[in-house]
Amino acid sequence: MCPKTIIALKYIEFTFHVTPHSEAAEDVLAAVLADIGFESFVHTDSLDLPCVATRDGFPEAPVFAAAAADGVFKGYVPASAFVQADFDAALAAFPLPEVRIAYERTEAEDKDWNAEWERNYFQPLIVGDAAQPDCVIASTFHHDVPRGRYNILIDPRMSFGTGHHATTAQMITRLLTDDLTGREVLDMGCGTSILAILARMRGAAHCVAIDVDEWCVANSRDNIALNALDGIDVRLGDANTLADYGAEAFDLIIANINRNILLRDMPCYVPALRGGGTLLLSGFYHADVPRLKAACEQQGLTFVDELTRDDWACLKFVK
């Protein structure tokens, strides 16, 4: 979520406790805080901590056990940009009324925050057999990392999307098993663009990666260059951006976001998908599946199957 340039600013660190805890609520909180100047966010629940994936692509127990059971969500804002009245108003108007937010505030000590994040929260992800991995996701600062069929380098820069979360892991499994040769692929809510990168490595003819966050867009471009790939276009925008590509522009649409955004944007996804094309959805709980299935079927899509891990779901539809 940060560009490679390290900016020497004084930051304020907020530690948030969201009740009831959910990544979806934390994502909404991040969006609200970004509007008032917060620059970086770190999830530290057990799903985001370093781990090694099993053959099916899903994380095993995390290597670290530092996170509390209810998770911790940290936000960082430059001291020069922080306005207490704006912060209080943002929390008072939080759009999920059933969610309670408590926080502690500290003056963040001067340090290289990118290095701090990398050292504590991002370890290599090995998908498949450790001796012959299907996919290895690592960063430039990792050493002695095994080589797999597909090797992805990313520098997440305090961004989301290192592959450790169950939703991303399920998407990785889909991309490793489905035939992507020659396909036009859309990665909505691309984050670090790890999924677009893997799709291109797996033979996709061309990928479009879109995110509403300018930091994700910058980081995605860095990561694509790091992997020496072409054929991936990164754009800043939301689902309305799809109108620029016209009808039936994509053979595969990947959307790993959250339930409410998926439900809202479904009428934009379906017209952009070619007949016989595939829609992969993740970023939501198993309990949300009936509602998402109904919305997709109402748009004329046919349900194929569901993956579930740690109560997170990943759905596959065809047009």
Protein backbone atom coordinates (compact mmCIF):
# COMPACT_ATOMS: atom_id res chain seq x y z
CA MET A 1 0.00 0.00 0.00
CA CYS A 2 3.06 2.24 0.00
CA PRO A 3 5.39 3.09 -2.87
CA LYS A 4 9.04 2.10 -2.72
CA THR A 5 10.17 5.57 -1.69
CA ILE A 6 10.55 5.78 2.09
CA ILE A 7 9.23 9.09 3.36
CA ALA A 8 10.69 10.40 6.62
CA LEU A 9 7.52 11.56 8.33
CA LYS A 10 6.41 11.46 11.93
CA TYR A 11 3.52 9.01 12.19
CA ILE A 12 0.78 8.39 14.73
CA GLU A 13 -0.02 4.72 15.27
CA PHE A 14 -3.59 3.68 16.13
CA THR A 15 -4.40 0.17 17.34
CA PHE A 16 -8.07 -0.59 16.71
CA HIS A 17 -10.24 -3.28 18.33
CA VAL A 18 -13.30 -4.02 16.23
CA THR A 19 -16.23 -5.85 17.86
CA PRO A 20 -17.59 -8.12 16.50
CA HIS A 21 -14.31 -8.81 14.76
CA SER A 22 -14.36 -9.37 11.00
CA GLU A 23 -12.06 -8.51 8.15
CA ALA A 24 -14.98 -6.96 6.30
CA ALA A 25 -15.53 -4.46 9.13
CA GLU A 26 -11.81 -3.70 9.22
CA ASP A 27 -11.82 -3.10 5.45
CA VAL A 28 -14.67 -0.61 5.85
CA LEU A 29 -12.77 1.06 8.70
CA ALA A 30 -9.66 1.32 6.50
CA ALA A 31 -11.67 2.98 3.74
CA VAL A 32 -13.17 5.48 6.19
CA LEU A 33 -9.79 6.32 7.69
CA ALA A 34 -8.11 6.64 4.29
CA ASP A 35 -10.54 9.44 3.50
CA ILE A 36 -9.13 11.48 6.41
CA GLY A 37 -5.46 10.98 5.70
CA PHE A 38 -4.46 7.54 7.03
CA GLU A 39 -1.85 6.03 4.73
CA SER A 40 -1.15 2.48 5.84
CA PHE A 41 -2.96 -0.37 7.55
CA VAL A 42 -1.88 -3.74 8.92
CA HIS A 43 -4.11 -6.70 9.74
CA THR A 44 -2.54 -9.02 12.28
CA ASP A 45 -5.17 -11.69 12.76
CA SER A 46 -4.10 -15.30 12.48
CA LEU A 47 -5.02 -15.55 8.81
CA ASP A 48 -2.51 -12.88 7.84
CA LEU A 49 0.47 -14.20 9.73
CA PRO A 50 3.22 -16.17 7.98
CA CYS A 51 2.48 -19.78 7.12
CA VAL A 52 3.20 -22.59 4.71
CA ALA A 53 0.36 -23.72 2.48
CA THR A 54 -0.69 -27.30 1.99
CA ARG A 55 -0.90 -28.94 -1.41
CA ASP A 56 -4.41 -27.59 -1.97
CA GLY A 57 -3.16 -24.05 -1.46
CA PHE A 58 -4.64 -23.34 1.94
CA PRO A 59 -2.58 -22.14 4.90
CA GLU A 60 -1.73 -24.45 7.76
CA ALA A 61 -1.37 -23.17 11.33
CA PRO A 62 0.59 -19.91 11.38
CA VAL A 63 4.24 -19.89 12.31
CA PHE A 64 3.69 -16.90 14.58
CA ALA A 65 1.18 -16.91 17.44
CA ALA A 66 1.53 -13.26 18.35
CA ALA A 67 -1.95 -12.10 17.40
CA ALA A 68 -4.78 -11.97 19.87
CA ALA A 69 -7.77 -14.18 19.22
CA ASP A 70 -9.90 -11.25 18.10
CA GLY A 71 -7.21 -9.83 15.83
CA VAL A 72 -5.49 -6.46 15.85
CA PHE A 73 -5.83 -3.79 13.23
CA LYS A 74 -3.31 -0.97 13.06
CA GLY A 75 -3.53 2.29 11.15
CA TYR A 76 -0.84 4.90 10.52
CA VAL A 77 -1.37 8.58 9.75
CA PRO A 78 1.22 11.35 9.32
CA ALA A 79 1.10 13.59 12.38
CA SER A 80 0.93 16.59 10.08
CA ALA A 81 -2.23 15.26 8.42
CA PHE A 82 -4.13 14.20 11.53
CA VAL A 83 -7.16 16.27 12.58
CA GLN A 84 -8.84 15.04 15.76
CA ALA A 85 -12.25 16.48 14.85
CA ASP A 86 -12.24 14.68 11.49
CA PHE A 87 -11.21 11.44 13.18
CA ASP A 88 -13.98 11.70 15.81
CA ALA A 89 -16.56 12.50 13.13
CA ALA A 90 -15.47 9.55 10.97
CA LEU A 91 -15.87 7.08 13.85
CA ALA A 92 -19.20 8.62 14.89
CA ALA A 93 -20.54 8.19 11.35
CA PHE A 94 -19.13 4.66 10.86
CA PRO A 95 -21.53 2.98 8.39
CA LEU A 96 -21.85 -0.33 10.27
CA PRO A 97 -23.93 0.60 13.36
CA GLU A 98 -23.65 -2.85 14.94
CA VAL A 99 -19.85 -2.58 15.06
CA ARG A 100 -18.08 -1.08 18.09
CA ILE A 101 -14.62 0.43 17.66
CA ALA A 102 -12.13 1.00 20.46
CA TYR A 103 -8.59 2.25 19.94
CA GLU A 104 -5.30 3.21 21.51
CA ARG A 105 -3.12 5.98 20.12
CA THR A 106 0.67 6.23 20.34
CA GLU A 107 3.29 8.39 18.73
CA ALA A 108 5.05 6.00 16.37
CA GLU A 109 8.79 5.91 16.85
CA ASP A 110 10.97 6.80 13.86
CA LYS A 111 11.72 3.65 11.89
CA ASP A 112 11.58 2.15 8.43
CA TRP A 113 7.95 1.05 8.54
CA ASN A 114 8.22 -0.96 5.31
CA ALA A 115 11.07 -3.01 6.78
CA GLU A 116 9.17 -3.41 10.06
CA TRP A 117 6.11 -4.79 8.27
CA GLU A 118 8.17 -7.11 6.12
CA ARG A 119 10.17 -8.45 9.06
CA ASN A 120 7.14 -9.23 11.22
CA TYR A 121 4.23 -10.02 8.95
CA PHE A 122 5.37 -11.35 5.60
CA GLN A 123 7.15 -14.68 5.20
CA PRO A 124 7.36 -16.75 2.00
CA LEU A 125 4.25 -18.68 1.03
CA ILE A 126 4.88 -22.14 -0.40
CA VAL A 127 1.90 -23.72 -2.16
CA GLY A 128 2.08 -27.49 -2.64
CA ASP A 129 4.77 -29.96 -1.69
CA ALA A 130 7.68 -28.18 -0.02
CA ALA A 131 10.14 -30.23 -2.11
CA GLN A 132 8.41 -29.43 -5.42
CA PRO A 133 6.11 -26.45 -4.84
CA ASP A 134 3.39 -25.50 -7.28
CA CYS A 135 3.84 -21.82 -6.44
CA VAL A 136 6.19 -19.82 -4.24
CA ILE A 137 5.42 -16.23 -3.23
CA ALA A 138 8.27 -14.35 -1.63
CA SER A 139 9.94 -10.95 -1.50
CA THR A 140 13.34 -9.61 -2.47
CA PHE A 141 14.55 -9.69 1.14
CA HIS A 142 13.86 -13.43 1.57
CA HIS A 143 16.76 -15.86 1.25
CA ASP A 144 17.03 -19.61 0.60
CA VAL A 145 13.49 -19.76 -0.76
CA PRO A 146 12.66 -22.97 -2.70
CA ARG A 147 11.83 -22.71 -6.39
CA GLY A 148 8.42 -23.77 -7.66
CA ARG A 149 6.65 -24.08 -10.98
CA TYR A 150 5.60 -20.46 -10.54
CA ASN A 151 7.72 -18.05 -8.54
CA ILE A 152 6.25 -14.67 -7.66
CA LEU A 153 8.17 -11.78 -6.13
CA ILE A 154 6.22 -9.09 -4.31
CA ASP A 155 7.15 -6.18 -2.08
CA PRO A 156 3.77 -5.57 -0.39
CA ARG A 157 4.82 -2.32 1.35
CA MET A 158 2.25 -2.65 4.15
CA SER A 159 -0.38 -3.66 1.60
CA PHE A 160 -2.95 -6.44 1.73
CA GLY A 161 -2.52 -9.45 -0.52
CA THR A 162 0.52 -11.56 0.30
CA GLY A 163 -1.37 -14.80 -0.37
CA HIS A 164 -1.58 -15.90 3.27
CA HIS A 165 -5.22 -15.06 3.81
CA ALA A 166 -7.65 -17.94 3.20
CA THR A 167 -9.56 -16.00 0.53
CA THR A 168 -6.44 -15.25 -1.50
CA ALA A 169 -5.18 -18.81 -1.01
CA GLN A 170 -8.42 -20.16 -2.43
CA MET A 171 -8.10 -17.90 -5.46
CA ILE A 172 -4.52 -19.11 -5.94
CA THR A 173 -5.78 -22.70 -5.90
CA ARG A 174 -8.35 -21.86 -8.58
CA LEU A 175 -5.76 -20.21 -10.80
CA LEU A 176 -3.35 -23.13 -10.42
CA THR A 177 -5.95 -25.68 -11.49
CA ASP A 178 -8.01 -23.85 -14.15
CA ASP A 179 -6.78 -23.51 -17.74
CA LEU A 180 -5.92 -19.84 -18.29
CA THR A 181 -4.18 -20.16 -21.64
CA GLY A 182 -5.00 -17.28 -23.95
CA ARG A 183 -7.66 -15.85 -21.67
CA GLU A 184 -8.45 -12.20 -21.05
CA VAL A 185 -8.46 -11.76 -17.27
CA LEU A 186 -9.79 -9.03 -14.97
CA ASP A 187 -8.55 -8.76 -11.36
CA MET A 188 -10.97 -6.48 -9.49
CA GLY A 189 -9.73 -5.09 -6.18
CA CYS A 190 -6.24 -6.22 -7.17
CA GLY A 191 -4.33 -5.10 -4.04
CA THR A 192 -0.74 -6.21 -4.73
CA SER A 193 -1.86 -7.78 -8.08
CA ILE A 194 -0.62 -11.17 -6.94
CA LEU A 195 -3.55 -12.88 -8.68
CA ALA A 196 -3.10 -11.01 -11.96
CA ILE A 197 0.60 -11.86 -11.88
CA LEU A 198 -0.11 -15.57 -11.36
CA ALA A 199 -2.77 -15.54 -14.10
CA ARG A 200 -0.28 -14.04 -16.56
CA MET A 201 2.36 -16.60 -15.56
CA ARG A 202 -0.22 -19.33 -16.11
CA GLY A 203 -0.72 -18.30 -19.73
CA ALA A 204 -3.39 -15.59 -19.68
CA ALA A 205 -3.09 -13.50 -22.84
CA HIS A 206 -3.68 -10.23 -21.05
CA CYS A 207 -4.77 -9.02 -17.60
CA VAL A 208 -6.41 -5.86 -16.32
CA ALA A 209 -5.93 -5.10 -12.61
CA ILE A 210 -8.15 -2.45 -11.00
CA ASP A 211 -8.18 -1.02 -7.48
CA VAL A 212 -9.76 2.02 -5.82
CA ASP A 213 -6.62 2.66 -3.76
CA GLU A 214 -3.85 4.64 -5.46
CA TRP A 215 -1.26 3.03 -3.16
CA CYS A 216 -2.33 -0.43 -4.36
CA VAL A 217 -2.07 0.73 -7.96
CA ALA A 218 1.48 2.00 -7.40
CA ASN A 219 2.48 -1.16 -5.52
CA SER A 220 0.92 -3.38 -8.22
CA ARG A 221 3.00 -1.69 -10.90
CA ASP A 222 6.13 -2.19 -8.79
CA ASN A 223 5.35 -5.87 -8.33
CA ILE A 224 4.62 -6.46 -12.02
CA ALA A 225 7.96 -4.87 -12.92
CA LEU A 226 9.67 -6.95 -10.23
CA ASN A 227 8.46 -10.09 -12.02
CA ALA A 228 9.50 -8.73 -15.44
CA LEU A 229 6.01 -9.23 -16.84
CA ASP A 230 4.19 -7.43 -19.59
CA GLY A 231 0.54 -7.79 -20.57
CA ILE A 232 -0.88 -6.52 -17.25
CA ASP A 233 -2.53 -3.11 -17.21
CA VAL A 234 -3.15 -1.54 -13.79
CA ARG A 235 -5.84 1.09 -13.37
CA LEU A 236 -7.19 3.24 -10.56
CA GLY A 237 -10.95 2.97 -10.32
CA ASP A 238 -13.99 0.95 -9.31
CA ALA A 239 -16.45 -1.24 -11.19
CA ASN A 240 -17.62 1.74 -13.26
CA THR A 241 -14.22 1.57 -14.97
CA LEU A 242 -15.37 -1.58 -16.76
CA ALA A 243 -17.52 0.53 -19.09
CA ASP A 244 -14.27 1.62 -20.77
CA TYR A 245 -13.68 -1.96 -21.96
CA GLY A 246 -17.11 -2.55 -23.47
CA ALA A 247 -19.31 -5.63 -23.29
CA GLU A 248 -17.91 -9.15 -23.00
CA ALA A 249 -14.29 -8.04 -22.73
CA PHE A 250 -13.10 -10.76 -20.33
CA ASP A 251 -12.98 -14.57 -20.24
CA LEU A 252 -12.26 -14.62 -16.49
CA ILE A 253 -13.13 -12.12 -13.77
CA ILE A 254 -11.49 -12.46 -10.34
CA ALA A 255 -13.06 -10.44 -7.52
CA ASN A 256 -11.62 -10.97 -4.05
CA ILE A 257 -13.23 -8.07 -2.21
CA ASN A 258 -16.11 -8.28 0.29
CA ARG A 259 -19.76 -9.22 0.22
CA ASN A 260 -21.32 -5.77 0.06
CA ILE A 261 -19.10 -4.53 -2.75
CA LEU A 262 -19.60 -7.76 -4.71
CA LEU A 263 -23.38 -7.46 -4.40
CA ARG A 264 -23.29 -3.82 -5.41
CA ASP A 265 -21.00 -4.31 -8.40
CA MET A 266 -22.40 -7.57 -9.79
CA PRO A 267 -24.44 -5.72 -12.48
CA CYS A 268 -21.12 -4.29 -13.75
CA TYR A 269 -19.23 -7.60 -13.73
CA VAL A 270 -21.67 -9.74 -15.68
CA PRO A 271 -21.94 -7.60 -18.86
CA ALA A 272 -18.12 -7.48 -18.99
CA LEU A 273 -17.91 -11.30 -18.98
CA ARG A 274 -17.98 -13.23 -22.24
CA GLY A 275 -20.41 -16.06 -22.86
CA GLY A 276 -18.91 -19.22 -21.37
CA GLY A 277 -16.63 -17.09 -19.21
CA THR A 278 -15.87 -17.66 -15.53
CA LEU A 279 -16.46 -15.46 -12.49
CA LEU A 280 -14.50 -16.22 -9.31
CA LEU A 281 -15.66 -14.54 -6.10
CA SER A 282 -14.06 -14.51 -2.66
CA GLY A 283 -13.60 -12.25 0.35
CA PHE A 284 -16.69 -13.29 2.32
CA TYR A 285 -17.87 -15.85 4.84
CA HIS A 286 -19.60 -19.16 4.13
CA ALA A 287 -22.77 -17.71 5.69
CA ASP A 288 -22.87 -15.12 2.87
CA VAL A 289 -22.91 -17.76 0.12
CA PRO A 290 -26.73 -18.06 -0.34
CA ARG A 291 -27.09 -14.31 -0.81
CA LEU A 292 -24.25 -14.13 -3.33
CA LYS A 293 -25.48 -17.19 -5.22
CA ALA A 294 -28.93 -15.67 -5.52
CA ALA A 295 -27.50 -12.38 -6.81
CA CYS A 296 -25.34 -14.15 -9.40
CA GLU A 297 -28.12 -16.41 -10.59
CA GLN A 298 -30.42 -13.40 -10.89
CA GLN A 299 -27.82 -11.97 -13.30
CA GLY A 300 -27.96 -15.16 -15.41
CA LEU A 301 -24.85 -16.90 -14.06
CA THR A 302 -24.67 -20.62 -13.32
CA PHE A 303 -23.15 -21.82 -10.06
CA VAL A 304 -20.29 -24.35 -10.47
CA ASP A 305 -18.84 -25.04 -7.01
CA GLU A 306 -17.66 -23.67 -3.69
CA LEU A 307 -14.40 -23.86 -1.78
CA THR A 308 -14.42 -23.20 1.97
CA ARG A 309 -11.57 -22.74 4.43
CA ASP A 310 -11.67 -21.33 7.96
CA ASP A 311 -15.28 -20.28 7.27
CA TRP A 312 -14.18 -18.17 4.25
CA ALA A 313 -15.71 -19.09 0.91
CA CYS A 314 -14.71 -18.92 -2.76
CA LEU A 315 -17.39 -19.35 -5.44
CA LYS A 316 -17.12 -20.23 -9.12
CA PHE A 317 -19.77 -19.29 -11.70
CA VAL A 318 -19.98 -19.50 -15.49
CA LYS A 319 -21.96 -17.31 -17.88
